Amino acid sequence: MSFLARIFDERLLAHRQRSTSIAGIVSAVGAVLLFEYRYFVTHTANWDLFAIAVAFVVVKMSLMVWYARHD
């Protein structure tokens, strides 16, 4: 077994995948919450935050459909 195989095993890759997924979801939820706060409390619409939230939803749903069709 090589040195790199001992360091980078499947558990590390699974943990990296889960942590990246959770980080993306938390970031998207944060963008939505910040957009809603600024829209409802300060009455200003930050469309860049809205675009981030929409992009997350589109990418997430597209990948879910793609993986479902190819799995």
Protein backbone atom coordinates (compact mmCIF):
# COMPACT_ATOMS: atom_id res chain seq x y z
CA MET A 1 0.00 0.00 0.00
CA SER A 2 1.44 3.34 -0.98
CA PHE A 3 1.98 6.25 1.36
CA LEU A 4 -0.67 8.41 -0.34
CA ALA A 5 -3.23 5.61 -0.26
CA ARG A 6 -2.87 5.41 3.51
CA ILE A 7 -3.38 9.17 3.90
CA PHE A 8 -6.17 9.65 1.34
CA ASP A 9 -8.51 6.75 1.95
CA GLU A 10 -12.23 6.60 1.18
CA ARG A 11 -13.20 7.92 4.62
CA LEU A 12 -11.33 11.16 4.02
CA LEU A 13 -12.98 11.56 0.63
CA ALA A 14 -16.45 10.87 2.09
CA HIS A 15 -15.86 13.39 4.90
CA ARG A 16 -14.68 15.98 2.38
CA GLN A 17 -17.77 15.40 0.23
CA ARG A 18 -20.16 15.72 3.19
CA SER A 19 -18.46 18.81 4.60
CA THR A 20 -18.47 20.53 1.22
CA SER A 21 -22.16 19.75 0.75
CA ILE A 22 -23.08 21.05 4.21
CA ALA A 23 -20.97 24.18 3.70
CA GLY A 24 -22.75 24.91 0.41
CA ILE A 25 -26.19 24.46 1.94
CA VAL A 26 -25.37 26.65 4.95
CA SER A 27 -23.97 29.35 2.66
CA ALA A 28 -27.09 29.31 0.48
CA VAL A 29 -29.40 29.46 3.50
CA GLY A 30 -27.33 32.35 4.86
CA ALA A 31 -27.69 34.22 1.56
CA VAL A 32 -31.46 33.68 1.60
CA LEU A 33 -31.77 34.81 5.22
CA LEU A 34 -29.65 37.89 4.60
CA PHE A 35 -31.69 38.75 1.50
CA GLU A 36 -34.96 38.37 3.41
CA TYR A 37 -33.69 40.42 6.34
CA ARG A 38 -32.57 43.26 4.10
CA TYR A 39 -35.77 43.08 2.05
CA PHE A 40 -38.26 42.96 4.92
CA VAL A 41 -36.46 45.00 7.61
CA THR A 42 -34.50 47.64 5.70
CA HIS A 43 -36.72 47.54 2.57
CA THR A 44 -33.81 47.16 0.17
CA ALA A 45 -33.50 44.30 -2.27
CA ASN A 46 -30.00 42.92 -2.79
CA TRP A 47 -30.49 40.99 -6.00
CA ASP A 48 -26.96 39.58 -5.88
CA LEU A 49 -27.88 37.61 -2.75
CA PHE A 50 -31.08 36.45 -4.43
CA ALA A 51 -29.07 35.36 -7.48
CA ILE A 52 -26.77 33.28 -5.26
CA ALA A 53 -29.76 31.54 -3.68
CA VAL A 54 -31.38 30.84 -7.06
CA ALA A 55 -28.09 29.56 -8.50
CA PHE A 56 -27.75 27.17 -5.56
CA VAL A 57 -31.27 25.81 -6.06
CA VAL A 58 -30.81 25.40 -9.83
CA VAL A 59 -27.46 23.62 -9.48
CA LYS A 60 -28.67 21.39 -6.62
CA MET A 61 -31.84 20.31 -8.44
CA SER A 62 -30.03 19.81 -11.75
CA LEU A 63 -27.42 17.60 -10.12
CA MET A 64 -30.07 15.61 -8.26
CA VAL A 65 -31.87 14.90 -11.55
CA TRP A 66 -28.60 14.08 -13.35
CA TYR A 67 -27.43 11.69 -10.62
CA ALA A 68 -30.86 10.02 -10.46
CA ARG A 69 -30.81 9.39 -14.21
CA HIS A 70 -27.22 8.12 -14.31
CA ASP A 71 -27.17 6.00 -11.18
